[in-house]
Amino acid sequence: MEEKEPVKEVEKEIKFHHPIRTLLLVDIIQDRDSRPTLLWAAATILFGTLVYHWLEGWSYLDALYFCVISLATIGYGDLTPTTPESKVFTIIYVINGVVILLAFFDRVRVVRGRHMDI
C-alpha cells in the first residue's frame, strides 16, 4: 500500500493539457474577469461593422472583414476607407483596436498564469 501513496501525490500534481480548449480560448471565455474585455472587443467589432457599412456602403461581410483585419493590425489593403470621415474613424478605431489587443493579451497572461500556479 505504501507504493500507491506517492503515485497519488504525483497524480494530483499532474496538470492536464487540453490543446483544443487552449486554442479555442475556452479558459479565457470561461473566466468571469475576462468577460468585459471580450464584450468590449465584440462591441467594437459590431460598432465598426455598422459604421463602415453606413459610411462606405460596404456589405456587412466586407465591413466585418475590414474590422477584424484592422483590429488584428494585419491590414491587407484590399479594402480601404475612401471618405475623410471614414479615414478619421479608422484612425480612432485602430488605436482602440491596439488597446483591445493589449487588454486581451493581458487577460490571457493572467488566466493562464493562474492555471500555472495550481
PDB file of N, CA and C in Angstrom:
ATOM      1  N   MET A   1       0.813  -1.202   0.000  1.00  0.00           N
ATOM      2  CA  MET A   1       0.000   0.000   0.000  1.00  0.00           C
ATOM      3  C   MET A   1       0.850   1.257   0.000  1.00  0.00           C
ATOM      4  N   GLU A   2       2.006   1.191   0.585  1.00  0.00           N
ATOM      5  CA  GLU A   2       2.846   2.376   0.666  1.00  0.00           C
ATOM      6  C   GLU A   2       3.282   2.852  -0.716  1.00  0.00           C
ATOM      7  N   GLU A   3       3.377   1.967  -1.672  1.00  0.00           N
ATOM      8  CA  GLU A   3       3.797   2.336  -3.009  1.00  0.00           C
ATOM      9  C   GLU A   3       2.752   3.199  -3.719  1.00  0.00           C
ATOM     10  N   LYS A   4       1.493   3.028  -3.397  1.00  0.00           N
ATOM     11  CA  LYS A   4       0.431   3.768  -4.068  1.00  0.00           C
ATOM     12  C   LYS A   4       0.322   5.212  -3.574  1.00  0.00           C
ATOM     13  N   GLU A   5       0.733   5.494  -2.364  1.00  0.00           N
ATOM     14  CA  GLU A   5       0.640   6.845  -1.823  1.00  0.00           C
ATOM     15  C   GLU A   5       1.439   7.853  -2.644  1.00  0.00           C
ATOM     16  N   PRO A   6       2.718   7.610  -2.988  1.00  0.00           N
ATOM     17  CA  PRO A   6       3.444   8.579  -3.814  1.00  0.00           C
ATOM     18  C   PRO A   6       2.820   8.751  -5.198  1.00  0.00           C
ATOM     19  N   VAL A   7       2.253   7.684  -5.734  1.00  0.00           N
ATOM     20  CA  VAL A   7       1.608   7.772  -7.048  1.00  0.00           C
ATOM     21  C   VAL A   7       0.423   8.727  -6.982  1.00  0.00           C
ATOM     22  N   LYS A   8      -0.356   8.653  -5.924  1.00  0.00           N
ATOM     23  CA  LYS A   8      -1.499   9.554  -5.778  1.00  0.00           C
ATOM     24  C   LYS A   8      -1.040  11.000  -5.655  1.00  0.00           C
ATOM     25  N   GLU A   9       0.051  11.221  -4.956  1.00  0.00           N
ATOM     26  CA  GLU A   9       0.585  12.583  -4.820  1.00  0.00           C
ATOM     27  C   GLU A   9       0.992  13.130  -6.181  1.00  0.00           C
ATOM     28  N   VAL A  10       1.638  12.307  -6.968  1.00  0.00           N
ATOM     29  CA  VAL A  10       2.069  12.733  -8.305  1.00  0.00           C
ATOM     30  C   VAL A  10       0.864  12.982  -9.200  1.00  0.00           C
ATOM     31  N   GLU A  11      -0.134  12.119  -9.108  1.00  0.00           N
ATOM     32  CA  GLU A  11      -1.331  12.292  -9.923  1.00  0.00           C
ATOM     33  C   GLU A  11      -2.029  13.607  -9.625  1.00  0.00           C
ATOM     34  N   LYS A  12      -2.010  14.027  -8.372  1.00  0.00           N
ATOM     35  CA  LYS A  12      -2.627  15.301  -8.008  1.00  0.00           C
ATOM     36  C   LYS A  12      -1.899  16.474  -8.637  1.00  0.00           C
ATOM     37  N   GLU A  13      -0.589  16.332  -8.827  1.00  0.00           N
ATOM     38  CA  GLU A  13       0.204  17.431  -9.343  1.00  0.00           C
ATOM     39  C   GLU A  13       0.273  17.468 -10.863  1.00  0.00           C
ATOM     40  N   ILE A  14      -0.192  16.421 -11.514  1.00  0.00           N
ATOM     41  CA  ILE A  14      -0.171  16.392 -12.979  1.00  0.00           C
ATOM     42  C   ILE A  14      -1.185  17.404 -13.501  1.00  0.00           C
ATOM     43  N   LYS A  15      -0.730  18.221 -14.393  1.00  0.00           N
ATOM     44  CA  LYS A  15      -1.623  19.205 -14.996  1.00  0.00           C
ATOM     45  C   LYS A  15      -2.060  18.670 -16.355  1.00  0.00           C
ATOM     46  N   PHE A  16      -3.340  18.646 -16.558  1.00  0.00           N
ATOM     47  CA  PHE A  16      -3.865  18.152 -17.822  1.00  0.00           C
ATOM     48  C   PHE A  16      -3.851  19.281 -18.837  1.00  0.00           C
ATOM     49  N   HIS A  17      -3.321  18.994 -19.979  1.00  0.00           N
ATOM     50  CA  HIS A  17      -3.227  19.980 -21.049  1.00  0.00           C
ATOM     51  C   HIS A  17      -4.279  19.650 -22.104  1.00  0.00           C
ATOM     52  N   HIS A  18      -5.097  20.616 -22.418  1.00  0.00           N
ATOM     53  CA  HIS A  18      -6.139  20.445 -23.420  1.00  0.00           C
ATOM     54  C   HIS A  18      -5.829  21.381 -24.580  1.00  0.00           C
ATOM     55  N   PRO A  19      -5.109  20.909 -25.594  1.00  0.00           N
ATOM     56  CA  PRO A  19      -4.685  21.814 -26.670  1.00  0.00           C
ATOM     57  C   PRO A  19      -5.835  22.442 -27.452  1.00  0.00           C
ATOM     58  N   ILE A  20      -6.914  21.713 -27.671  1.00  0.00           N
ATOM     59  CA  ILE A  20      -8.038  22.274 -28.420  1.00  0.00           C
ATOM     60  C   ILE A  20      -8.721  23.364 -27.593  1.00  0.00           C
ATOM     61  N   ARG A  21      -8.913  23.109 -26.308  1.00  0.00           N
ATOM     62  CA  ARG A  21      -9.527  24.113 -25.432  1.00  0.00           C
ATOM     63  C   ARG A  21      -8.638  25.351 -25.347  1.00  0.00           C
ATOM     64  N   THR A  22      -7.332  25.144 -25.312  1.00  0.00           N
ATOM     65  CA  THR A  22      -6.400  26.266 -25.257  1.00  0.00           C
ATOM     66  C   THR A  22      -6.455  27.051 -26.558  1.00  0.00           C
ATOM     67  N   LEU A  23      -6.467  26.359 -27.667  1.00  0.00           N
ATOM     68  CA  LEU A  23      -6.517  27.011 -28.975  1.00  0.00           C
ATOM     69  C   LEU A  23      -7.786  27.828 -29.144  1.00  0.00           C
ATOM     70  N   LEU A  24      -8.909  27.304 -28.677  1.00  0.00           N
ATOM     71  CA  LEU A  24     -10.191  27.991 -28.808  1.00  0.00           C
ATOM     72  C   LEU A  24     -10.447  28.998 -27.687  1.00  0.00           C
ATOM     73  N   LEU A  25      -9.460  29.184 -26.810  1.00  0.00           N
ATOM     74  CA  LEU A  25      -9.526  30.166 -25.723  1.00  0.00           C
ATOM     75  C   LEU A  25     -10.676  29.906 -24.755  1.00  0.00           C
ATOM     76  N   VAL A  26     -11.012  28.645 -24.566  1.00  0.00           N
ATOM     77  CA  VAL A  26     -12.127  28.290 -23.684  1.00  0.00           C
ATOM     78  C   VAL A  26     -11.865  28.788 -22.264  1.00  0.00           C
ATOM     79  N   ASP A  27     -10.618  28.673 -21.804  1.00  0.00           N
ATOM     80  CA  ASP A  27     -10.307  29.118 -20.447  1.00  0.00           C
ATOM     81  C   ASP A  27     -10.495  30.622 -20.280  1.00  0.00           C
ATOM     82  N   ILE A  28     -10.206  31.380 -21.323  1.00  0.00           N
ATOM     83  CA  ILE A  28     -10.373  32.833 -21.264  1.00  0.00           C
ATOM     84  C   ILE A  28     -11.864  33.187 -21.289  1.00  0.00           C
ATOM     85  N   ILE A  29     -12.616  32.525 -22.139  1.00  0.00           N
ATOM     86  CA  ILE A  29     -14.053  32.790 -22.251  1.00  0.00           C
ATOM     87  C   ILE A  29     -14.773  32.439 -20.961  1.00  0.00           C
ATOM     88  N   GLN A  30     -14.351  31.382 -20.290  1.00  0.00           N
ATOM     89  CA  GLN A  30     -14.996  30.958 -19.052  1.00  0.00           C
ATOM     90  C   GLN A  30     -14.605  31.811 -17.848  1.00  0.00           C
ATOM     91  N   ASP A  31     -13.531  32.556 -17.971  1.00  0.00           N
ATOM     92  CA  ASP A  31     -13.076  33.394 -16.863  1.00  0.00           C
ATOM     93  C   ASP A  31     -13.979  34.620 -16.744  1.00  0.00           C
ATOM     94  N   ARG A  32     -14.590  34.777 -15.594  1.00  0.00           N
ATOM     95  CA  ARG A  32     -15.549  35.866 -15.359  1.00  0.00           C
ATOM     96  C   ARG A  32     -14.885  37.250 -15.504  1.00  0.00           C
ATOM     97  N   ASP A  33     -13.651  37.389 -15.067  1.00  0.00           N
ATOM     98  CA  ASP A  33     -12.965  38.679 -15.137  1.00  0.00           C
ATOM     99  C   ASP A  33     -12.550  39.055 -16.561  1.00  0.00           C
ATOM    100  N   SER A  34     -12.543  38.098 -17.469  1.00  0.00           N
ATOM    101  CA  SER A  34     -12.179  38.372 -18.862  1.00  0.00           C
ATOM    102  C   SER A  34     -13.368  38.837 -19.694  1.00  0.00           C
ATOM    103  N   ARG A  35     -14.557  38.662 -19.198  1.00  0.00           N
ATOM    104  CA  ARG A  35     -15.756  38.984 -19.978  1.00  0.00           C
ATOM    105  C   ARG A  35     -15.849  40.446 -20.392  1.00  0.00           C
ATOM    106  N   PRO A  36     -15.499  41.412 -19.538  1.00  0.00           N
ATOM    107  CA  PRO A  36     -15.567  42.805 -20.007  1.00  0.00           C
ATOM    108  C   PRO A  36     -14.673  43.068 -21.218  1.00  0.00           C
ATOM    109  N   THR A  37     -13.488  42.484 -21.222  1.00  0.00           N
ATOM    110  CA  THR A  37     -12.584  42.668 -22.364  1.00  0.00           C
ATOM    111  C   THR A  37     -13.161  42.023 -23.616  1.00  0.00           C
ATOM    112  N   LEU A  38     -13.716  40.832 -23.476  1.00  0.00           N
ATOM    113  CA  LEU A  38     -14.314  40.152 -24.625  1.00  0.00           C
ATOM    114  C   LEU A  38     -15.544  40.904 -25.137  1.00  0.00           C
ATOM    115  N   LEU A  39     -16.355  41.423 -24.226  1.00  0.00           N
ATOM    116  CA  LEU A  39     -17.525  42.212 -24.639  1.00  0.00           C
ATOM    117  C   LEU A  39     -17.100  43.514 -25.315  1.00  0.00           C
ATOM    118  N   TRP A  40     -16.055  44.132 -24.803  1.00  0.00           N
ATOM    119  CA  TRP A  40     -15.520  45.354 -25.402  1.00  0.00           C
ATOM    120  C   TRP A  40     -15.065  45.073 -26.838  1.00  0.00           C
ATOM    121  N   ALA A  41     -14.358  43.966 -27.031  1.00  0.00           N
ATOM    122  CA  ALA A  41     -13.893  43.598 -28.371  1.00  0.00           C
ATOM    123  C   ALA A  41     -15.072  43.317 -29.303  1.00  0.00           C
ATOM    124  N   ALA A  42     -16.042  42.554 -28.828  1.00  0.00           N
ATOM    125  CA  ALA A  42     -17.212  42.224 -29.659  1.00  0.00           C
ATOM    126  C   ALA A  42     -18.019  43.476 -29.995  1.00  0.00           C
ATOM    127  N   ALA A  43     -18.216  44.356 -29.020  1.00  0.00           N
ATOM    128  CA  ALA A  43     -18.967  45.590 -29.263  1.00  0.00           C
ATOM    129  C   ALA A  43     -18.230  46.493 -30.242  1.00  0.00           C
ATOM    130  N   THR A  44     -16.918  46.538 -30.140  1.00  0.00           N
ATOM    131  CA  THR A  44     -16.128  47.359 -31.061  1.00  0.00           C
ATOM    132  C   THR A  44     -16.229  46.837 -32.486  1.00  0.00           C
ATOM    133  N   ILE A  45     -16.153  45.530 -32.644  1.00  0.00           N
ATOM    134  CA  ILE A  45     -16.272  44.941 -33.983  1.00  0.00           C
ATOM    135  C   ILE A  45     -17.666  45.183 -34.554  1.00  0.00           C
ATOM    136  N   LEU A  46     -18.687  44.997 -33.741  1.00  0.00           N
ATOM    137  CA  LEU A  46     -20.058  45.243 -34.199  1.00  0.00           C
ATOM    138  C   LEU A  46     -20.254  46.707 -34.574  1.00  0.00           C
ATOM    139  N   PHE A  47     -19.805  47.605 -33.716  1.00  0.00           N
ATOM    140  CA  PHE A  47     -19.939  49.039 -33.982  1.00  0.00           C
ATOM    141  C   PHE A  47     -19.187  49.429 -35.253  1.00  0.00           C
ATOM    142  N   GLY A  48     -17.972  48.946 -35.384  1.00  0.00           N
ATOM    143  CA  GLY A  48     -17.182  49.245 -36.585  1.00  0.00           C
ATOM    144  C   GLY A  48     -17.835  48.713 -37.845  1.00  0.00           C
ATOM    145  N   THR A  49     -18.391  47.525 -37.763  1.00  0.00           N
ATOM    146  CA  THR A  49     -19.081  46.942 -38.921  1.00  0.00           C
ATOM    147  C   THR A  49     -20.237  47.826 -39.362  1.00  0.00           C
ATOM    148  N   LEU A  50     -21.016  48.280 -38.399  1.00  0.00           N
ATOM    149  CA  LEU A  50     -22.157  49.150 -38.727  1.00  0.00           C
ATOM    150  C   LEU A  50     -21.693  50.496 -39.291  1.00  0.00           C
ATOM    151  N   VAL A  51     -20.646  51.066 -38.715  1.00  0.00           N
ATOM    152  CA  VAL A  51     -20.149  52.373 -39.179  1.00  0.00           C
ATOM    153  C   VAL A  51     -19.599  52.262 -40.593  1.00  0.00           C
ATOM    154  N   TYR A  52     -18.787  51.257 -40.871  1.00  0.00           N
ATOM    155  CA  TYR A  52     -18.232  51.116 -42.230  1.00  0.00           C
ATOM    156  C   TYR A  52     -19.319  50.774 -43.257  1.00  0.00           C
ATOM    157  N   HIS A  53     -20.307  50.019 -42.850  1.00  0.00           N
ATOM    158  CA  HIS A  53     -21.435  49.753 -43.750  1.00  0.00           C
ATOM    159  C   HIS A  53     -22.139  51.057 -44.100  1.00  0.00           C
ATOM    160  N   TRP A  54     -22.301  51.907 -43.109  1.00  0.00           N
ATOM    161  CA  TRP A  54     -23.003  53.180 -43.305  1.00  0.00           C
ATOM    162  C   TRP A  54     -22.137  54.192 -44.061  1.00  0.00           C
ATOM    163  N   LEU A  55     -20.871  54.369 -43.650  1.00  0.00           N
ATOM    164  CA  LEU A  55     -20.011  55.385 -44.260  1.00  0.00           C
ATOM    165  C   LEU A  55     -19.507  54.998 -45.650  1.00  0.00           C
ATOM    166  N   GLU A  56     -19.142  53.742 -45.825  1.00  0.00           N
ATOM    167  CA  GLU A  56     -18.530  53.307 -47.080  1.00  0.00           C
ATOM    168  C   GLU A  56     -19.498  52.588 -48.012  1.00  0.00           C
ATOM    169  N   GLY A  57     -20.641  52.159 -47.479  1.00  0.00           N
ATOM    170  CA  GLY A  57     -21.583  51.420 -48.307  1.00  0.00           C
ATOM    171  C   GLY A  57     -21.157  49.981 -48.563  1.00  0.00           C
ATOM    172  N   TRP A  58     -20.228  49.487 -47.763  1.00  0.00           N
ATOM    173  CA  TRP A  58     -19.776  48.108 -47.913  1.00  0.00           C
ATOM    174  C   TRP A  58     -20.840  47.157 -47.407  1.00  0.00           C
ATOM    175  N   SER A  59     -20.818  45.930 -47.906  1.00  0.00           N
ATOM    176  CA  SER A  59     -21.714  44.905 -47.358  1.00  0.00           C
ATOM    177  C   SER A  59     -21.315  44.648 -45.909  1.00  0.00           C
ATOM    178  N   TYR A  60     -22.215  44.040 -45.157  1.00  0.00           N
ATOM    179  CA  TYR A  60     -21.897  43.740 -43.760  1.00  0.00           C
ATOM    180  C   TYR A  60     -20.697  42.805 -43.652  1.00  0.00           C
ATOM    181  N   LEU A  61     -20.610  41.856 -44.578  1.00  0.00           N
ATOM    182  CA  LEU A  61     -19.475  40.926 -44.553  1.00  0.00           C
ATOM    183  C   LEU A  61     -18.164  41.654 -44.829  1.00  0.00           C
ATOM    184  N   ASP A  62     -18.141  42.527 -45.838  1.00  0.00           N
ATOM    185  CA  ASP A  62     -16.932  43.296 -46.130  1.00  0.00           C
ATOM    186  C   ASP A  62     -16.559  44.207 -44.965  1.00  0.00           C
ATOM    187  N   ALA A  63     -17.557  44.836 -44.366  1.00  0.00           N
ATOM    188  CA  ALA A  63     -17.295  45.721 -43.231  1.00  0.00           C
ATOM    189  C   ALA A  63     -16.754  44.935 -42.041  1.00  0.00           C
ATOM    190  N   LEU A  64     -17.335  43.771 -41.773  1.00  0.00           N
ATOM    191  CA  LEU A  64     -16.847  42.918 -40.693  1.00  0.00           C
ATOM    192  C   LEU A  64     -15.416  42.463 -40.974  1.00  0.00           C
ATOM    193  N   TYR A  65     -15.177  42.034 -42.195  1.00  0.00           N
ATOM    194  CA  TYR A  65     -13.839  41.611 -42.615  1.00  0.00           C
ATOM    195  C   TYR A  65     -12.823  42.734 -42.393  1.00  0.00           C
ATOM    196  N   PHE A  66     -13.163  43.944 -42.816  1.00  0.00           N
ATOM    197  CA  PHE A  66     -12.256  45.074 -42.658  1.00  0.00           C
ATOM    198  C   PHE A  66     -11.991  45.347 -41.177  1.00  0.00           C
ATOM    199  N   CYS A  67     -13.017  45.255 -40.355  1.00  0.00           N
ATOM    200  CA  CYS A  67     -12.853  45.498 -38.917  1.00  0.00           C
ATOM    201  C   CYS A  67     -11.910  44.487 -38.280  1.00  0.00           C
ATOM    202  N   VAL A  68     -12.105  43.236 -38.588  1.00  0.00           N
ATOM    203  CA  VAL A  68     -11.263  42.194 -37.999  1.00  0.00           C
ATOM    204  C   VAL A  68      -9.820  42.341 -38.481  1.00  0.00           C
ATOM    205  N   ILE A  69      -9.631  42.566 -39.754  1.00  0.00           N
ATOM    206  CA  ILE A  69      -8.288  42.719 -40.311  1.00  0.00           C
ATOM    207  C   ILE A  69      -7.604  43.954 -39.723  1.00  0.00           C
ATOM    208  N   SER A  70      -8.358  45.020 -39.550  1.00  0.00           N
ATOM    209  CA  SER A  70      -7.786  46.251 -38.992  1.00  0.00           C
ATOM    210  C   SER A  70      -7.452  46.102 -37.518  1.00  0.00           C
ATOM    211  N   LEU A  71      -8.366  45.538 -36.739  1.00  0.00           N
ATOM    212  CA  LEU A  71      -8.122  45.388 -35.307  1.00  0.00           C
ATOM    213  C   LEU A  71      -7.008  44.394 -35.018  1.00  0.00           C
ATOM    214  N   ALA A  72      -6.816  43.445 -35.894  1.00  0.00           N
ATOM    215  CA  ALA A  72      -5.724  42.493 -35.726  1.00  0.00           C
ATOM    216  C   ALA A  72      -4.403  43.064 -36.234  1.00  0.00           C
ATOM    217  N   THR A  73      -4.441  44.300 -36.696  1.00  0.00           N
ATOM    218  CA  THR A  73      -3.281  45.029 -37.246  1.00  0.00           C
ATOM    219  C   THR A  73      -2.646  44.305 -38.432  1.00  0.00           C
ATOM    220  N   ILE A  74      -3.455  43.602 -39.208  1.00  0.00           N
ATOM    221  CA  ILE A  74      -2.951  42.923 -40.401  1.00  0.00           C
ATOM    222  C   ILE A  74      -2.967  43.882 -41.582  1.00  0.00           C
ATOM    223  N   GLY A  75      -4.129  44.414 -41.915  1.00  0.00           N
ATOM    224  CA  GLY A  75      -4.256  45.404 -42.970  1.00  0.00           C
ATOM    225  C   GLY A  75      -3.783  44.956 -44.334  1.00  0.00           C
ATOM    226  N   TYR A  76      -4.521  44.089 -44.971  1.00  0.00           N
ATOM    227  CA  TYR A  76      -4.154  43.613 -46.305  1.00  0.00           C
ATOM    228  C   TYR A  76      -4.194  44.715 -47.354  1.00  0.00           C
ATOM    229  N   GLY A  77      -5.072  45.674 -47.205  1.00  0.00           N
ATOM    230  CA  GLY A  77      -5.162  46.766 -48.169  1.00  0.00           C
ATOM    231  C   GLY A  77      -6.154  46.532 -49.283  1.00  0.00           C
ATOM    232  N   ASP A  78      -6.866  45.410 -49.265  1.00  0.00           N
ATOM    233  CA  ASP A  78      -7.845  45.153 -50.314  1.00  0.00           C
ATOM    234  C   ASP A  78      -9.082  46.026 -50.148  1.00  0.00           C
ATOM    235  N   LEU A  79      -9.395  46.428 -48.942  1.00  0.00           N
ATOM    236  CA  LEU A  79     -10.452  47.400 -48.677  1.00  0.00           C
ATOM    237  C   LEU A  79      -9.796  48.579 -47.955  1.00  0.00           C
ATOM    238  N   THR A  80     -10.107  49.777 -48.403  1.00  0.00           N
ATOM    239  CA  THR A  80      -9.552  50.965 -47.749  1.00  0.00           C
ATOM    240  C   THR A  80     -10.640  52.024 -47.633  1.00  0.00           C
ATOM    241  N   PRO A  81     -10.621  52.796 -46.562  1.00  0.00           N
ATOM    242  CA  PRO A  81     -11.582  53.882 -46.408  1.00  0.00           C
ATOM    243  C   PRO A  81     -11.349  54.942 -47.490  1.00  0.00           C
ATOM    244  N   THR A  82     -12.431  55.489 -48.000  1.00  0.00           N
ATOM    245  CA  THR A  82     -12.303  56.466 -49.089  1.00  0.00           C
ATOM    246  C   THR A  82     -12.735  57.873 -48.692  1.00  0.00           C
ATOM    247  N   THR A  83     -13.609  58.000 -47.724  1.00  0.00           N
ATOM    248  CA  THR A  83     -14.086  59.329 -47.339  1.00  0.00           C
ATOM    249  C   THR A  83     -13.254  59.856 -46.169  1.00  0.00           C
ATOM    250  N   PRO A  84     -13.162  61.175 -46.034  1.00  0.00           N
ATOM    251  CA  PRO A  84     -12.422  61.735 -44.891  1.00  0.00           C
ATOM    252  C   PRO A  84     -12.990  61.267 -43.549  1.00  0.00           C
ATOM    253  N   GLU A  85     -14.317  61.138 -43.462  1.00  0.00           N
ATOM    254  CA  GLU A  85     -14.936  60.680 -42.225  1.00  0.00           C
ATOM    255  C   GLU A  85     -14.506  59.254 -41.886  1.00  0.00           C
ATOM    256  N   SER A  86     -14.458  58.417 -42.897  1.00  0.00           N
ATOM    257  CA  SER A  86     -14.034  57.028 -42.692  1.00  0.00           C
ATOM    258  C   SER A  86     -12.572  56.958 -42.279  1.00  0.00           C
ATOM    259  N   LYS A  87     -11.764  57.810 -42.853  1.00  0.00           N
ATOM    260  CA  LYS A  87     -10.340  57.805 -42.511  1.00  0.00           C
ATOM    261  C   LYS A  87     -10.122  58.238 -41.064  1.00  0.00           C
ATOM    262  N   VAL A  88     -10.825  59.272 -40.627  1.00  0.00           N
ATOM    263  CA  VAL A  88     -10.710  59.721 -39.242  1.00  0.00           C
ATOM    264  C   VAL A  88     -11.217  58.628 -38.296  1.00  0.00           C
ATOM    265  N   PHE A  89     -12.354  58.034 -38.644  1.00  0.00           N
ATOM    266  CA  PHE A  89     -12.896  56.950 -37.826  1.00  0.00           C
ATOM    267  C   PHE A  89     -11.905  55.790 -37.752  1.00  0.00           C
ATOM    268  N   THR A  90     -11.253  55.465 -38.855  1.00  0.00           N
ATOM    269  CA  THR A  90     -10.302  54.356 -38.894  1.00  0.00           C
ATOM    270  C   THR A  90      -9.112  54.620 -37.980  1.00  0.00           C
ATOM    271  N   ILE A  91      -8.640  55.841 -37.955  1.00  0.00           N
ATOM    272  CA  ILE A  91      -7.523  56.180 -37.064  1.00  0.00           C
ATOM    273  C   ILE A  91      -7.898  55.887 -35.616  1.00  0.00           C
ATOM    274  N   ILE A  92      -9.044  56.371 -35.209  1.00  0.00           N
ATOM    275  CA  ILE A  92      -9.507  56.155 -33.830  1.00  0.00           C
ATOM    276  C   ILE A  92      -9.788  54.675 -33.583  1.00  0.00           C
ATOM    277  N   TYR A  93     -10.385  54.036 -34.575  1.00  0.00           N
ATOM    278  CA  TYR A  93     -10.767  52.632 -34.467  1.00  0.00           C
ATOM    279  C   TYR A  93      -9.546  51.732 -34.293  1.00  0.00           C
ATOM    280  N   VAL A  94      -8.498  51.978 -35.060  1.00  0.00           N
ATOM    281  CA  VAL A  94      -7.308  51.132 -34.992  1.00  0.00           C
ATOM    282  C   VAL A  94      -6.556  51.360 -33.677  1.00  0.00           C
ATOM    283  N   ILE A  95      -6.487  52.589 -33.207  1.00  0.00           N
ATOM    284  CA  ILE A  95      -5.858  52.845 -31.903  1.00  0.00           C
ATOM    285  C   ILE A  95      -6.625  52.097 -30.811  1.00  0.00           C
ATOM    286  N   ASN A  96      -7.947  52.158 -30.881  1.00  0.00           N
ATOM    287  CA  ASN A  96      -8.773  51.399 -29.937  1.00  0.00           C
ATOM    288  C   ASN A  96      -8.498  49.903 -30.071  1.00  0.00           C
ATOM    289  N   GLY A  97      -8.305  49.435 -31.282  1.00  0.00           N
ATOM    290  CA  GLY A  97      -8.027  48.020 -31.521  1.00  0.00           C
ATOM    291  C   GLY A  97      -6.722  47.567 -30.896  1.00  0.00           C
ATOM    292  N   VAL A  98      -5.708  48.405 -30.942  1.00  0.00           N
ATOM    293  CA  VAL A  98      -4.434  48.063 -30.314  1.00  0.00           C
ATOM    294  C   VAL A  98      -4.616  47.951 -28.803  1.00  0.00           C
ATOM    295  N   VAL A  99      -5.396  48.850 -28.230  1.00  0.00           N
ATOM    296  CA  VAL A  99      -5.670  48.798 -26.785  1.00  0.00           C
ATOM    297  C   VAL A  99      -6.441  47.514 -26.448  1.00  0.00           C
ATOM    298  N   ILE A 100      -7.395  47.144 -27.281  1.00  0.00           N
ATOM    299  CA  ILE A 100      -8.145  45.903 -27.057  1.00  0.00           C
ATOM    300  C   ILE A 100      -7.205  44.699 -27.096  1.00  0.00           C
ATOM    301  N   LEU A 101      -6.318  44.658 -28.082  1.00  0.00           N
ATOM    302  CA  LEU A 101      -5.369  43.551 -28.169  1.00  0.00           C
ATOM    303  C   LEU A 101      -4.491  43.471 -26.922  1.00  0.00           C
ATOM    304  N   LEU A 102      -3.989  44.593 -26.467  1.00  0.00           N
ATOM    305  CA  LEU A 102      -3.156  44.602 -25.264  1.00  0.00           C
ATOM    306  C   LEU A 102      -3.939  44.119 -24.041  1.00  0.00           C
ATOM    307  N   ALA A 103      -5.177  44.582 -23.913  1.00  0.00           N
ATOM    308  CA  ALA A 103      -6.008  44.156 -22.786  1.00  0.00           C
ATOM    309  C   ALA A 103      -6.296  42.655 -22.875  1.00  0.00           C
ATOM    310  N   PHE A 104      -6.566  42.173 -24.083  1.00  0.00           N
ATOM    311  CA  PHE A 104      -6.851  40.753 -24.268  1.00  0.00           C
ATOM    312  C   PHE A 104      -5.622  39.903 -23.949  1.00  0.00           C
ATOM    313  N   PHE A 105      -4.458  40.300 -24.451  1.00  0.00           N
ATOM    314  CA  PHE A 105      -3.236  39.551 -24.167  1.00  0.00           C
ATOM    315  C   PHE A 105      -2.930  39.545 -22.667  1.00  0.00           C
ATOM    316  N   ASP A 106      -3.232  40.649 -21.992  1.00  0.00           N
ATOM    317  CA  ASP A 106      -3.034  40.698 -20.553  1.00  0.00           C
ATOM    318  C   ASP A 106      -3.963  39.708 -19.847  1.00  0.00           C
ATOM    319  N   ARG A 107      -5.213  39.618 -20.301  1.00  0.00           N
ATOM    320  CA  ARG A 107      -6.145  38.660 -19.693  1.00  0.00           C
ATOM    321  C   ARG A 107      -5.670  37.225 -19.916  1.00  0.00           C
ATOM    322  N   VAL A 108      -5.149  36.930 -21.118  1.00  0.00           N
ATOM    323  CA  VAL A 108      -4.616  35.589 -21.387  1.00  0.00           C
ATOM    324  C   VAL A 108      -3.459  35.307 -20.430  1.00  0.00           C
ATOM    325  N   ARG A 109      -2.579  36.284 -20.250  1.00  0.00           N
ATOM    326  CA  ARG A 109      -1.444  36.126 -19.348  1.00  0.00           C
ATOM    327  C   ARG A 109      -1.912  35.849 -17.917  1.00  0.00           C
ATOM    328  N   VAL A 110      -2.884  36.612 -17.448  1.00  0.00           N
ATOM    329  CA  VAL A 110      -3.372  36.461 -16.078  1.00  0.00           C
ATOM    330  C   VAL A 110      -4.048  35.103 -15.888  1.00  0.00           C
ATOM    331  N   VAL A 111      -4.942  34.744 -16.791  1.00  0.00           N
ATOM    332  CA  VAL A 111      -5.696  33.484 -16.653  1.00  0.00           C
ATOM    333  C   VAL A 111      -4.763  32.288 -16.772  1.00  0.00           C
ATOM    334  N   ARG A 112      -3.909  32.289 -17.754  1.00  0.00           N
ATOM    335  CA  ARG A 112      -3.013  31.138 -17.931  1.00  0.00           C
ATOM    336  C   ARG A 112      -1.943  31.100 -16.853  1.00  0.00           C
ATOM    337  N   GLY A 113      -1.540  32.234 -16.350  1.00  0.00           N
ATOM    338  CA  GLY A 113      -0.609  32.278 -15.240  1.00  0.00           C
ATOM    339  C   GLY A 113      -1.221  31.703 -13.976  1.00  0.00           C
ATOM    340  N   ARG A 114      -2.492  31.979 -13.783  1.00  0.00           N
ATOM    341  CA  ARG A 114      -3.224  31.448 -12.633  1.00  0.00           C
ATOM    342  C   ARG A 114      -3.283  29.915 -12.708  1.00  0.00           C
ATOM    343  N   HIS A 115      -3.458  29.386 -13.910  1.00  0.00           N
ATOM    344  CA  HIS A 115      -3.505  27.929 -14.081  1.00  0.00           C
ATOM    345  C   HIS A 115      -2.137  27.290 -13.838  1.00  0.00           C
ATOM    346  N   MET A 116      -1.092  28.029 -14.101  1.00  0.00           N
ATOM    347  CA  MET A 116       0.254  27.509 -13.898  1.00  0.00           C
ATOM    348  C   MET A 116       0.579  27.377 -12.419  1.00  0.00           C
ATOM    349  N   ASP A 117      -0.050  28.224 -11.580  1.00  0.00           N
ATOM    350  CA  ASP A 117       0.228  28.216 -10.149  1.00  0.00           C
ATOM    351  C   ASP A 117      -0.461  27.078  -9.413  1.00  0.00           C
ATOM    352  N   ILE A 118      -1.399  26.419 -10.063  1.00  0.00           N
ATOM    353  CA  ILE A 118      -2.160  25.351  -9.406  1.00  0.00           C
ATOM    354  C   ILE A 118      -1.259  24.185  -9.074  1.00  0.00           C
TER     355      ILE A 118
END
